[in-house]
Amino acid sequence: MSVKETAIELFEQECWWGGAVNDGVRMPFNNLTFERDLSVSLDMNQGVPFLISNRGRYIWSDAPFRYVFNKGILWIWSKGDIQFGQHGSTLKEAFQFASGQFFPPDGAMPEPLLFQAPQYNLWIEMMYEPSQDKVIAYAQQLLQNGFPPGVLMIDDNWHDSYGSLEFHPGRFPDPAVLTDTLHRMGFQVMLWVSPFITPDTVTFRMLQDKGYLLKDRTGETAIRKWWSGYSALLDCTNAEAVAWFRSRLNGLMSRYGIDGFKFDGGDPEFYEDSDLSAKPADKNRHCETWGEVGLSYSLNEYRACWKLAGRPIVQRLKDKYHQWEQEGLATLIPCALAQGLAGYAFNCPDMIGGGDIQSFIHPDFSFDEELFVRYAQCSALFPMMQFSAAPWRLLNEQNLFYCVEAARLHLRMGDRIVALAEQSSLTGEPIMRAMDYVFPGQGYERIHDQFLLGDEILVAPVLEKGAVKRKVVIPDGRWMGDDGIVVTGPCEWETDSPLSRLPWYEKIAEGKT
């Protein structure tokens, strides 16, 4: 198939978003040189074949494409047709049109509890060694330390091998008792699953005999290296293979009371375009078919995804480091805003304090209590928030209290967030919105350290170590701060921001005092 080249001259001051979500820290794209090939890598997070500008222009293709911003020109190379157009003159107008045309919402949304209460993932606290006793003890500690119950996720290695989808009998001797105990405490329970199958197991041999495993270009079962070793891959283009997998998940729900699943893996980087599957697919399409598996479950989570914008899937940011800059705290807002503008409205930040295991096991690791608190505050008014490392183990009493306050703020705002999620399921609009999306033409395109929850909640977390003040860009209107101060915009407002405070503002309706 031939590659088509498209050159688009950028408007003056035109800014673009889209493509790979983890490039959010580089967005908006404009005259500065930037390059990404969506057919090569999505950088271990979500991606879409979609670009959108603050001047109302959009680009869509059904196929992954390569794009380069350089010297006022946007170059695109694609094997598929490129649909390029303009609708209106703002980011919001272009998004609403493109969403309706290319990834319309289907009216469904994930489980409301994912938005209403904090989530608790056991990855950092237990790494590869979860057990029934540890999980129950973690849940008990959450409640004893004042955290509200929510969704609890048992992460990797709860099983006896990848693909078996059976609890390890030594670590989890009675899964039904486990889930019953957690349910009585107020939690819903999710399990980590992936498309990986451990070779030379009973499950592997059965799936290989049935033709349910992906083959490489030679016709042999593909064995791929990933972060936990070498495994085969379920062929999710095969309807019978997917039916088998879902039947195993449904069995976990019916036998043990499991409520939902965290669908990990499936990154395009683990596939090859030359792989042989039940239906022809490039590696991006393999990622997409893994994403489609989760559509059967309202309690779900994905980190890697291709397309599927507008669908009721929770999209978490990739694992972040326990640090302020680079791949740490400072990346949460810009990458989450990129998720929303990619059509992934039901978004979740990474685990509080960072979810990258290498941060915590590195020989030079140094835990930063201030950073952990600011992670929690930054996440508190995202559509979702997710704890992992145990705050009561890592923090002093005062800092633990600040994290509990952040969790309870999210709980108080839960019904409002759910209402925004319900709206998004019908309109496709982001829940968490960029300043320029709501207030176009004000020069807000490059603001990436604050955001809007809907149109009426302005959130300005502290993202710098040692900072006790921060400047907040207040848009047009009158805004009541969490500190009780009313600020009239547009203006730049400096506010006190000690470690005890997350600055946020609610817009005062016209006519109210």
Protein backbone atom coordinates (compact mmCIF):
# COMPACT_ATOMS: atom_id res chain seq x y z
CA MET A 1 0.00 0.00 0.00
CA SER A 2 1.42 3.37 -0.99
CA VAL A 3 2.07 6.12 1.55
CA LYS A 4 0.28 9.43 1.00
CA GLU A 5 1.92 12.71 1.92
CA THR A 6 -0.05 15.73 3.11
CA ALA A 7 1.35 19.18 3.92
CA ILE A 8 -0.72 21.70 5.89
CA GLU A 9 0.41 25.26 6.43
CA LEU A 10 -0.18 26.35 10.02
CA PHE A 11 -2.10 29.50 10.82
CA GLU A 12 -0.34 32.15 12.87
CA GLN A 13 -0.41 31.19 16.57
CA GLU A 14 -2.22 27.95 15.73
CA CYS A 15 -1.84 25.23 18.37
CA TRP A 16 -2.54 21.50 17.96
CA TRP A 17 -3.29 18.57 20.26
CA GLY A 18 -3.77 14.85 19.64
CA GLY A 19 -1.96 11.69 18.60
CA ALA A 20 -0.25 9.97 21.54
CA VAL A 21 -1.51 10.97 24.99
CA ASN A 22 1.89 10.75 26.66
CA ASP A 23 3.08 13.55 24.35
CA GLY A 24 0.75 15.84 26.31
CA VAL A 25 3.78 17.39 27.99
CA ARG A 26 4.84 18.63 24.53
CA MET A 27 1.40 19.92 23.55
CA PRO A 28 0.23 22.13 22.07
CA PHE A 29 2.25 21.52 18.93
CA ASN A 30 3.01 24.46 16.66
CA ASN A 31 6.16 25.85 15.04
CA LEU A 32 8.51 23.91 17.30
CA THR A 33 9.73 20.70 15.70
CA PHE A 34 7.94 17.57 16.88
CA GLU A 35 7.54 14.13 15.35
CA ARG A 36 5.51 11.01 16.17
CA ASP A 37 4.75 7.89 14.14
CA LEU A 38 1.58 6.37 15.54
CA SER A 39 2.24 3.12 13.69
CA VAL A 40 5.53 2.60 15.56
CA SER A 41 4.80 3.48 19.21
CA LEU A 42 2.15 5.06 21.43
CA ASP A 43 4.68 5.35 24.28
CA MET A 44 2.84 2.89 26.54
CA ASN A 45 -0.37 4.93 26.77
CA GLN A 46 -3.43 5.75 24.69
CA GLY A 47 -3.40 7.05 21.13
CA VAL A 48 -5.80 8.22 18.42
CA PRO A 49 -5.38 8.93 14.69
CA PHE A 50 -6.66 12.44 15.37
CA LEU A 51 -5.24 15.97 15.61
CA ILE A 52 -7.18 19.10 16.51
CA SER A 53 -6.36 22.81 16.63
CA ASN A 54 -7.49 25.91 18.49
CA ARG A 55 -8.42 27.45 15.14
CA GLY A 56 -11.19 24.95 14.49
CA ARG A 57 -9.22 22.57 12.26
CA TYR A 58 -9.05 18.80 12.59
CA ILE A 59 -7.36 15.77 11.03
CA TRP A 60 -8.64 12.20 11.17
CA SER A 61 -7.64 8.91 9.60
CA ASP A 62 -8.85 5.38 10.21
CA ALA A 63 -5.21 4.27 10.01
CA PRO A 64 -2.20 5.26 12.15
CA PHE A 65 -0.06 7.95 10.57
CA ARG A 66 3.26 9.71 10.98
CA TYR A 67 3.24 13.47 11.56
CA VAL A 68 5.86 16.18 11.86
CA PHE A 69 5.48 19.80 12.94
CA ASN A 70 8.35 21.80 11.49
CA LYS A 71 8.82 25.44 10.45
CA GLY A 72 5.14 26.29 10.20
CA ILE A 73 4.17 23.15 8.29
CA LEU A 74 2.33 20.06 9.53
CA TRP A 75 3.49 17.07 7.44
CA ILE A 76 1.48 13.84 7.49
CA TRP A 77 2.33 10.48 5.95
CA SER A 78 -0.40 7.84 5.98
CA LYS A 79 -1.38 4.61 4.27
CA GLY A 80 -5.03 5.53 4.80
CA ASP A 81 -7.13 8.48 3.73
CA ILE A 82 -6.65 11.71 5.65
CA GLN A 83 -9.77 13.70 6.44
CA PHE A 84 -8.81 17.33 6.97
CA GLY A 85 -11.26 20.12 7.58
CA GLN A 86 -12.41 23.04 9.67
CA HIS A 87 -15.53 23.52 11.75
CA GLY A 88 -15.90 26.83 13.54
CA SER A 89 -12.90 28.72 14.81
CA THR A 90 -12.24 27.26 18.28
CA LEU A 91 -10.95 24.11 19.91
CA LYS A 92 -14.38 23.29 21.34
CA GLU A 93 -16.21 23.74 18.03
CA ALA A 94 -13.75 21.53 16.19
CA PHE A 95 -13.85 18.86 18.91
CA GLN A 96 -17.63 18.70 19.06
CA PHE A 97 -17.85 18.29 15.30
CA ALA A 98 -15.03 15.75 15.01
CA SER A 99 -16.33 13.72 17.95
CA GLY A 100 -19.73 13.43 16.32
CA GLN A 101 -18.21 12.49 12.98
CA PHE A 102 -15.39 10.11 13.90
CA PHE A 103 -15.85 8.78 17.46
CA PRO A 104 -19.39 9.52 18.60
CA PRO A 105 -20.25 8.63 22.20
CA ASP A 106 -22.55 5.65 22.61
CA GLY A 107 -24.48 6.89 25.64
CA ALA A 108 -22.81 4.50 28.08
CA MET A 109 -20.35 5.23 30.88
CA PRO A 110 -18.20 3.20 33.28
CA GLU A 111 -19.38 2.21 36.78
CA PRO A 112 -20.30 5.41 38.72
CA LEU A 113 -18.32 4.34 41.82
CA LEU A 114 -15.11 4.85 39.82
CA PHE A 115 -15.94 8.57 39.77
CA GLN A 116 -17.69 8.92 43.14
CA ALA A 117 -14.97 7.60 45.43
CA PRO A 118 -11.20 7.14 45.41
CA GLN A 119 -9.78 3.99 43.87
CA TYR A 120 -7.16 1.84 45.58
CA ASN A 121 -4.69 -0.19 43.52
CA LEU A 122 -2.38 -2.63 45.30
CA TRP A 123 0.47 -2.54 42.77
CA ILE A 124 3.05 -0.40 44.57
CA GLU A 125 2.19 -1.65 48.04
CA MET A 126 2.37 -5.36 47.15
CA MET A 127 4.14 -5.39 43.77
CA TYR A 128 4.22 -9.04 42.66
CA GLU A 129 3.31 -10.48 46.07
CA PRO A 130 -0.40 -9.92 46.78
CA SER A 131 -2.16 -12.30 49.14
CA GLN A 132 -5.57 -12.67 50.69
CA ASP A 133 -4.39 -11.58 54.13
CA LYS A 134 -2.50 -8.57 52.76
CA VAL A 135 -5.46 -7.37 50.71
CA ILE A 136 -7.85 -7.52 53.66
CA ALA A 137 -5.32 -5.81 55.93
CA TYR A 138 -4.84 -2.99 53.37
CA ALA A 139 -8.61 -2.43 53.18
CA GLN A 140 -8.91 -2.41 56.96
CA GLN A 141 -6.11 0.14 57.24
CA LEU A 142 -7.79 2.36 54.67
CA LEU A 143 -10.95 2.58 56.75
CA GLN A 144 -9.13 2.88 60.07
CA ASN A 145 -7.18 5.85 58.75
CA GLY A 146 -10.27 7.68 57.53
CA PHE A 147 -10.24 6.88 53.81
CA PRO A 148 -13.66 6.21 52.28
CA PRO A 149 -14.28 2.82 50.66
CA GLY A 150 -14.29 2.65 46.87
CA VAL A 151 -12.98 0.36 44.16
CA LEU A 152 -10.09 -1.87 45.25
CA MET A 153 -7.86 -3.35 42.53
CA ILE A 154 -5.82 -6.51 43.12
CA ASP A 155 -2.94 -6.17 40.68
CA ASP A 156 -0.53 -8.56 38.98
CA ASN A 157 0.29 -12.06 40.27
CA TRP A 158 -2.96 -12.91 42.07
CA HIS A 159 -3.11 -15.90 39.71
CA ASP A 160 -1.04 -19.06 39.41
CA SER A 161 0.13 -18.31 35.82
CA TYR A 162 -0.62 -15.76 33.14
CA GLY A 163 -3.76 -16.80 31.30
CA SER A 164 -4.99 -19.34 33.83
CA LEU A 165 -7.36 -16.77 35.34
CA GLU A 166 -7.43 -18.78 38.54
CA PHE A 167 -6.43 -17.54 41.99
CA HIS A 168 -3.13 -18.86 43.31
CA PRO A 169 -4.27 -21.42 45.91
CA GLY A 170 -1.43 -20.61 48.29
CA ARG A 171 -1.77 -16.83 48.31
CA PHE A 172 -5.57 -16.75 47.96
CA PRO A 173 -6.96 -19.87 49.68
CA ASP A 174 -10.61 -18.69 49.67
CA PRO A 175 -11.36 -15.96 47.07
CA ALA A 176 -15.09 -15.98 47.83
CA VAL A 177 -14.40 -15.15 51.48
CA LEU A 178 -12.02 -12.39 50.34
CA THR A 179 -14.55 -10.66 48.11
CA ASP A 180 -17.37 -11.13 50.62
CA THR A 181 -15.22 -9.51 53.30
CA LEU A 182 -14.33 -6.57 51.05
CA HIS A 183 -17.94 -6.12 49.93
CA ARG A 184 -19.10 -5.96 53.56
CA MET A 185 -16.47 -3.26 54.14
CA GLY A 186 -17.95 -1.21 51.27
CA PHE A 187 -15.47 -1.98 48.48
CA GLN A 188 -16.00 -3.24 44.95
CA VAL A 189 -13.22 -5.54 43.72
CA MET A 190 -11.29 -5.54 40.45
CA LEU A 191 -8.64 -8.00 39.24
CA TRP A 192 -5.66 -7.31 36.96
CA VAL A 193 -5.78 -9.25 33.67
CA SER A 194 -3.77 -9.17 30.45
CA PRO A 195 -3.66 -10.85 27.01
CA PHE A 196 -0.43 -12.66 27.96
CA ILE A 197 -0.31 -16.46 28.31
CA THR A 198 2.54 -18.21 30.13
CA PRO A 199 4.17 -20.74 27.73
CA ASP A 200 4.29 -24.45 28.48
CA THR A 201 1.26 -24.49 30.76
CA VAL A 202 -1.99 -26.42 30.46
CA THR A 203 -3.75 -23.19 29.44
CA PHE A 204 -1.13 -22.42 26.79
CA ARG A 205 -1.33 -25.87 25.24
CA MET A 206 -5.13 -25.81 25.18
CA LEU A 207 -5.26 -22.33 23.58
CA GLN A 208 -2.57 -23.25 21.07
CA ASP A 209 -4.48 -26.39 20.03
CA LYS A 210 -7.65 -24.34 19.53
CA GLY A 211 -5.82 -21.72 17.43
CA TYR A 212 -6.55 -18.92 19.90
CA LEU A 213 -2.97 -17.62 20.14
CA LEU A 214 -1.30 -15.06 17.91
CA LYS A 215 1.22 -16.43 15.39
CA ASP A 216 4.32 -14.74 14.05
CA ARG A 217 5.00 -14.34 10.31
CA THR A 218 6.42 -17.88 10.10
CA GLY A 219 3.22 -19.43 11.44
CA GLU A 220 4.69 -20.33 14.82
CA THR A 221 3.06 -19.21 18.08
CA ALA A 222 4.43 -15.72 18.80
CA ILE A 223 6.40 -15.44 22.04
CA ARG A 224 7.01 -11.83 23.06
CA LYS A 225 9.15 -10.17 25.70
CA TRP A 226 7.30 -7.85 28.07
CA TRP A 227 7.95 -6.43 31.55
CA SER A 228 7.26 -9.77 33.28
CA GLY A 229 9.20 -12.07 30.96
CA TYR A 230 8.20 -13.92 27.80
CA SER A 231 4.66 -14.90 26.93
CA ALA A 232 2.28 -15.81 24.14
CA LEU A 233 -0.59 -13.47 23.26
CA LEU A 234 -4.31 -14.13 22.99
CA ASP A 235 -5.53 -13.41 19.45
CA CYS A 236 -8.30 -10.89 20.13
CA THR A 237 -9.28 -10.77 16.45
CA ASN A 238 -10.56 -14.31 16.99
CA ALA A 239 -14.17 -14.12 18.23
CA GLU A 240 -13.95 -17.61 19.76
CA ALA A 241 -10.78 -16.69 21.66
CA VAL A 242 -12.44 -13.56 23.04
CA ALA A 243 -15.53 -15.56 24.00
CA TRP A 244 -13.30 -18.03 25.89
CA PHE A 245 -11.53 -15.17 27.70
CA ARG A 246 -14.79 -13.46 28.65
CA SER A 247 -16.23 -16.74 29.87
CA ARG A 248 -13.27 -17.04 32.25
CA LEU A 249 -13.78 -13.48 33.50
CA ASN A 250 -17.49 -14.07 33.92
CA GLY A 251 -16.67 -17.21 35.88
CA LEU A 252 -14.59 -15.16 38.32
CA MET A 253 -17.55 -12.85 38.77
CA SER A 254 -20.11 -15.60 39.31
CA ARG A 255 -17.97 -17.90 41.48
CA TYR A 256 -16.16 -15.36 43.62
CA GLY A 257 -18.09 -12.10 43.34
CA ILE A 258 -15.41 -10.19 41.44
CA ASP A 259 -16.91 -6.90 40.19
CA GLY A 260 -14.64 -5.91 37.30
CA PHE A 261 -11.20 -5.96 35.73
CA LYS A 262 -8.11 -3.88 35.07
CA PHE A 263 -7.06 -4.72 31.50
CA ASP A 264 -3.30 -4.22 31.28
CA GLY A 265 -0.88 -4.85 28.40
CA GLY A 266 -2.11 -4.86 24.84
CA ASP A 267 0.36 -2.17 23.82
CA PRO A 268 1.06 -2.05 20.07
CA GLU A 269 4.75 -2.46 20.90
CA PHE A 270 4.10 -6.12 21.80
CA TYR A 271 2.77 -6.95 18.32
CA GLU A 272 4.14 -6.90 14.79
CA ASP A 273 2.34 -5.84 11.62
CA SER A 274 3.41 -9.16 10.11
CA ASP A 275 1.74 -11.27 12.83
CA LEU A 276 -0.78 -13.84 11.64
CA SER A 277 -4.20 -13.66 13.27
CA ALA A 278 -7.77 -14.83 12.67
CA LYS A 279 -8.50 -11.50 10.97
CA PRO A 280 -5.80 -9.40 9.29
CA ALA A 281 -4.62 -6.68 11.67
CA ASP A 282 -1.70 -4.33 12.17
CA LYS A 283 -0.31 -3.89 15.66
CA ASN A 284 -2.51 -0.87 16.37
CA ARG A 285 -5.58 -2.91 15.51
CA HIS A 286 -4.43 -5.65 17.90
CA CYS A 287 -4.30 -3.03 20.64
CA GLU A 288 -7.79 -1.89 19.65
CA THR A 289 -9.26 -5.40 19.79
CA TRP A 290 -7.85 -5.86 23.31
CA GLY A 291 -9.62 -2.62 24.23
CA GLU A 292 -12.89 -3.95 22.84
CA VAL A 293 -12.76 -6.88 25.27
CA GLY A 294 -13.35 -4.51 28.18
CA LEU A 295 -16.53 -3.04 26.72
CA SER A 296 -18.47 -5.91 28.30
CA TYR A 297 -17.61 -4.69 31.82
CA SER A 298 -18.67 -1.37 33.35
CA LEU A 299 -15.96 -1.69 36.01
CA ASN A 300 -12.84 -1.54 33.84
CA GLU A 301 -9.52 0.21 33.38
CA TYR A 302 -7.02 0.51 30.50
CA ARG A 303 -3.60 2.11 30.25
CA ALA A 304 -2.88 1.26 26.60
CA CYS A 305 -5.55 1.84 23.98
CA TRP A 306 -5.87 2.63 20.28
CA LYS A 307 -8.93 4.51 19.04
CA LEU A 308 -12.12 3.62 20.99
CA ALA A 309 -12.61 7.28 21.93
CA GLY A 310 -16.18 7.92 23.00
CA ARG A 311 -16.59 4.42 24.44
CA PRO A 312 -17.25 3.66 28.15
CA ILE A 313 -13.68 2.71 28.99
CA VAL A 314 -11.60 4.09 31.87
CA GLN A 315 -8.28 5.36 30.53
CA ARG A 316 -5.48 5.71 33.11
CA LEU A 317 -2.31 7.65 32.47
CA LYS A 318 0.84 5.55 32.12
CA ASP A 319 2.93 4.79 35.20
CA LYS A 320 4.64 7.91 36.50
CA TYR A 321 7.78 8.31 38.58
CA HIS A 322 8.02 9.43 42.19
CA GLN A 323 9.41 12.81 41.22
CA TRP A 324 8.24 16.36 40.57
CA GLU A 325 9.30 16.90 36.95
CA GLN A 326 10.03 14.76 33.87
CA GLU A 327 7.77 11.68 34.06
CA GLY A 328 6.39 12.65 37.46
CA LEU A 329 3.78 14.94 39.02
CA ALA A 330 4.18 17.76 36.49
CA THR A 331 2.99 15.49 33.65
CA LEU A 332 -0.40 14.60 35.13
CA ILE A 333 -2.37 17.66 34.01
CA PRO A 334 -0.98 18.11 30.47
CA CYS A 335 -1.33 14.40 29.67
CA ALA A 336 -4.83 14.23 31.15
CA LEU A 337 -5.88 17.26 29.09
CA ALA A 338 -4.51 15.44 26.05
CA GLN A 339 -6.68 12.44 26.96
CA GLY A 340 -9.80 14.59 26.96
CA LEU A 341 -8.96 16.18 23.63
CA ALA A 342 -8.34 12.70 22.19
CA GLY A 343 -11.90 11.71 23.09
CA TYR A 344 -10.96 9.76 26.22
CA ALA A 345 -13.26 11.56 28.66
CA PHE A 346 -13.32 8.91 31.40
CA ASN A 347 -9.75 9.48 32.46
CA CYS A 348 -7.77 8.67 35.57
CA PRO A 349 -4.37 9.97 36.69
CA ASP A 350 -1.65 7.54 37.62
CA MET A 351 -1.37 6.22 41.17
CA ILE A 352 -0.74 8.84 43.84
CA GLY A 353 2.96 9.16 44.51
CA GLY A 354 3.76 7.50 41.18
CA GLY A 355 2.94 4.05 39.85
CA ASP A 356 6.26 3.21 38.22
CA ILE A 357 7.77 0.37 40.20
CA GLN A 358 11.32 1.35 39.23
CA SER A 359 10.99 4.53 41.29
CA PHE A 360 10.40 2.56 44.46
CA ILE A 361 12.99 -0.19 43.99
CA HIS A 362 15.82 1.97 42.62
CA PRO A 363 18.89 1.88 44.94
CA ASP A 364 18.88 5.68 45.15
CA PHE A 365 15.14 5.97 45.88
CA SER A 366 14.24 8.65 48.39
CA PHE A 367 10.62 9.07 49.45
CA ASP A 368 9.28 12.63 49.46
CA GLU A 369 6.26 13.20 51.73
CA GLU A 370 5.56 16.64 50.28
CA LEU A 371 5.49 15.18 46.77
CA PHE A 372 3.06 12.46 47.84
CA VAL A 373 0.65 15.00 49.34
CA ARG A 374 0.79 17.20 46.23
CA TYR A 375 0.14 14.11 44.06
CA ALA A 376 -3.00 13.43 46.12
CA GLN A 377 -4.18 17.04 45.90
CA CYS A 378 -3.53 17.20 42.15
CA SER A 379 -5.63 14.05 41.66
CA ALA A 380 -8.47 15.02 44.00
CA LEU A 381 -10.54 16.87 41.39
CA PHE A 382 -9.63 14.76 38.38
CA PRO A 383 -12.61 12.69 37.18
CA MET A 384 -11.02 9.85 39.19
CA MET A 385 -8.24 9.49 41.75
CA GLN A 386 -6.23 6.39 42.61
CA PHE A 387 -4.08 5.53 45.63
CA SER A 388 -1.60 2.64 45.75
CA ALA A 389 1.37 3.05 48.11
CA ALA A 390 -0.08 3.10 51.63
CA PRO A 391 -0.18 6.69 52.96
CA TRP A 392 -0.34 5.53 56.61
CA ARG A 393 2.93 3.63 56.18
CA LEU A 394 4.82 6.42 54.41
CA LEU A 395 3.56 9.68 55.88
CA ASN A 396 3.65 11.43 59.22
CA GLU A 397 0.32 12.09 60.94
CA GLN A 398 -0.15 15.60 59.53
CA ASN A 399 0.62 14.66 55.93
CA LEU A 400 -1.59 11.60 56.21
CA PHE A 401 -4.42 13.93 57.26
CA TYR A 402 -3.87 16.07 54.14
CA CYS A 403 -4.23 12.98 51.92
CA VAL A 404 -7.42 11.93 53.71
CA GLU A 405 -8.75 15.46 53.13
CA ALA A 406 -7.97 15.14 49.39
CA ALA A 407 -9.81 11.80 49.26
CA ARG A 408 -12.81 13.23 51.07
CA LEU A 409 -12.90 16.27 48.77
CA HIS A 410 -13.20 13.88 45.83
CA LEU A 411 -15.96 12.02 47.68
CA ARG A 412 -17.88 15.26 48.29
CA MET A 413 -17.63 16.18 44.61
CA GLY A 414 -18.47 12.65 43.46
CA ASP A 415 -22.08 13.23 42.45
CA ARG A 416 -21.11 16.31 40.43
CA ILE A 417 -18.38 14.35 38.68
CA VAL A 418 -20.82 11.55 37.88
CA ALA A 419 -23.22 14.12 36.40
CA LEU A 420 -20.40 15.37 34.16
CA ALA A 421 -19.60 11.76 33.16
CA GLU A 422 -23.24 11.18 32.27
CA GLN A 423 -23.19 14.34 30.16
CA SER A 424 -19.98 13.22 28.47
CA SER A 425 -21.51 9.84 27.62
CA LEU A 426 -24.02 11.76 25.50
CA THR A 427 -21.88 14.62 24.12
CA GLY A 428 -18.37 13.12 24.08
CA GLU A 429 -16.96 16.25 25.69
CA PRO A 430 -14.05 16.02 28.13
CA ILE A 431 -14.90 15.99 31.83
CA MET A 432 -11.53 17.56 32.62
CA ARG A 433 -11.10 20.52 30.30
CA ALA A 434 -8.27 22.69 29.05
CA MET A 435 -8.58 26.41 29.73
CA ASP A 436 -8.71 27.20 26.01
CA TYR A 437 -11.53 24.70 25.51
CA VAL A 438 -13.86 26.65 27.81
CA PHE A 439 -12.43 30.15 27.33
CA PRO A 440 -11.18 30.39 23.72
CA GLY A 441 -9.22 33.29 22.31
CA GLN A 442 -7.86 34.45 25.68
CA GLY A 443 -4.28 33.24 25.24
CA TYR A 444 -4.80 30.21 27.51
CA GLU A 445 -3.53 27.58 25.05
CA ARG A 446 -0.27 26.93 26.89
CA ILE A 447 -1.63 26.70 30.42
CA HIS A 448 -0.81 23.18 31.58
CA ASP A 449 -0.63 23.52 35.37
CA GLN A 450 -4.35 24.12 36.02
CA PHE A 451 -7.59 22.83 34.53
CA LEU A 452 -11.37 23.01 34.63
CA LEU A 453 -13.65 20.28 35.92
CA GLY A 454 -16.60 20.87 33.65
CA ASP A 455 -17.04 24.59 32.99
CA GLU A 456 -17.45 25.81 36.56
CA ILE A 457 -14.70 24.33 38.75
CA LEU A 458 -11.20 25.74 38.29
CA VAL A 459 -8.42 23.64 39.85
CA ALA A 460 -4.88 24.92 40.39
CA PRO A 461 -2.72 22.33 42.23
CA VAL A 462 0.73 23.14 43.54
CA LEU A 463 3.29 21.28 41.43
CA GLU A 464 6.61 22.74 42.62
CA LYS A 465 8.59 21.48 45.60
CA GLY A 466 8.62 23.89 48.51
CA ALA A 467 6.05 26.24 47.00
CA VAL A 468 3.63 27.85 49.47
CA LYS A 469 2.11 30.31 46.98
CA ARG A 470 1.03 29.93 43.39
CA LYS A 471 -0.27 32.11 40.59
CA VAL A 472 -3.67 31.16 39.23
CA VAL A 473 -5.02 32.37 35.90
CA ILE A 474 -8.61 33.37 36.65
CA PRO A 475 -10.82 33.53 33.53
CA ASP A 476 -13.77 35.83 32.95
CA GLY A 477 -16.42 35.86 35.66
CA ARG A 478 -16.57 35.81 39.45
CA TRP A 479 -14.99 32.83 41.18
CA MET A 480 -15.29 31.72 44.82
CA GLY A 481 -12.12 30.08 46.12
CA ASP A 482 -11.93 27.18 48.54
CA ASP A 483 -10.53 29.81 50.94
CA GLY A 484 -13.74 31.87 50.70
CA ILE A 485 -12.19 34.69 48.68
CA VAL A 486 -14.07 35.88 45.59
CA VAL A 487 -11.88 36.78 42.63
CA THR A 488 -13.13 38.59 39.51
CA GLY A 489 -11.47 37.68 36.24
CA PRO A 490 -9.87 37.81 33.89
CA CYS A 491 -6.77 38.27 35.99
CA GLU A 492 -3.70 36.52 37.38
CA TRP A 493 -4.17 35.87 41.06
CA GLU A 494 -1.46 34.93 43.57
CA THR A 495 -2.79 32.87 46.43
CA ASP A 496 -1.34 31.26 49.54
CA SER A 497 -0.91 27.53 48.99
CA PRO A 498 0.61 25.84 52.05
CA LEU A 499 0.92 22.08 52.02
CA SER A 500 -2.48 21.88 53.67
CA ARG A 501 -4.24 23.47 50.68
CA LEU A 502 -5.37 22.56 47.17
CA PRO A 503 -6.46 25.86 45.54
CA TRP A 504 -9.71 25.52 43.60
CA TYR A 505 -12.46 27.94 42.60
CA GLU A 506 -16.12 27.65 41.69
CA LYS A 507 -17.73 30.05 39.25
CA ILE A 508 -20.48 32.18 40.75
CA ALA A 509 -23.59 32.25 38.59
CA GLU A 510 -24.63 35.64 37.31
CA GLY A 511 -27.06 37.38 39.64
CA LYS A 512 -25.73 35.60 42.74
CA THR A 513 -23.75 37.40 45.42
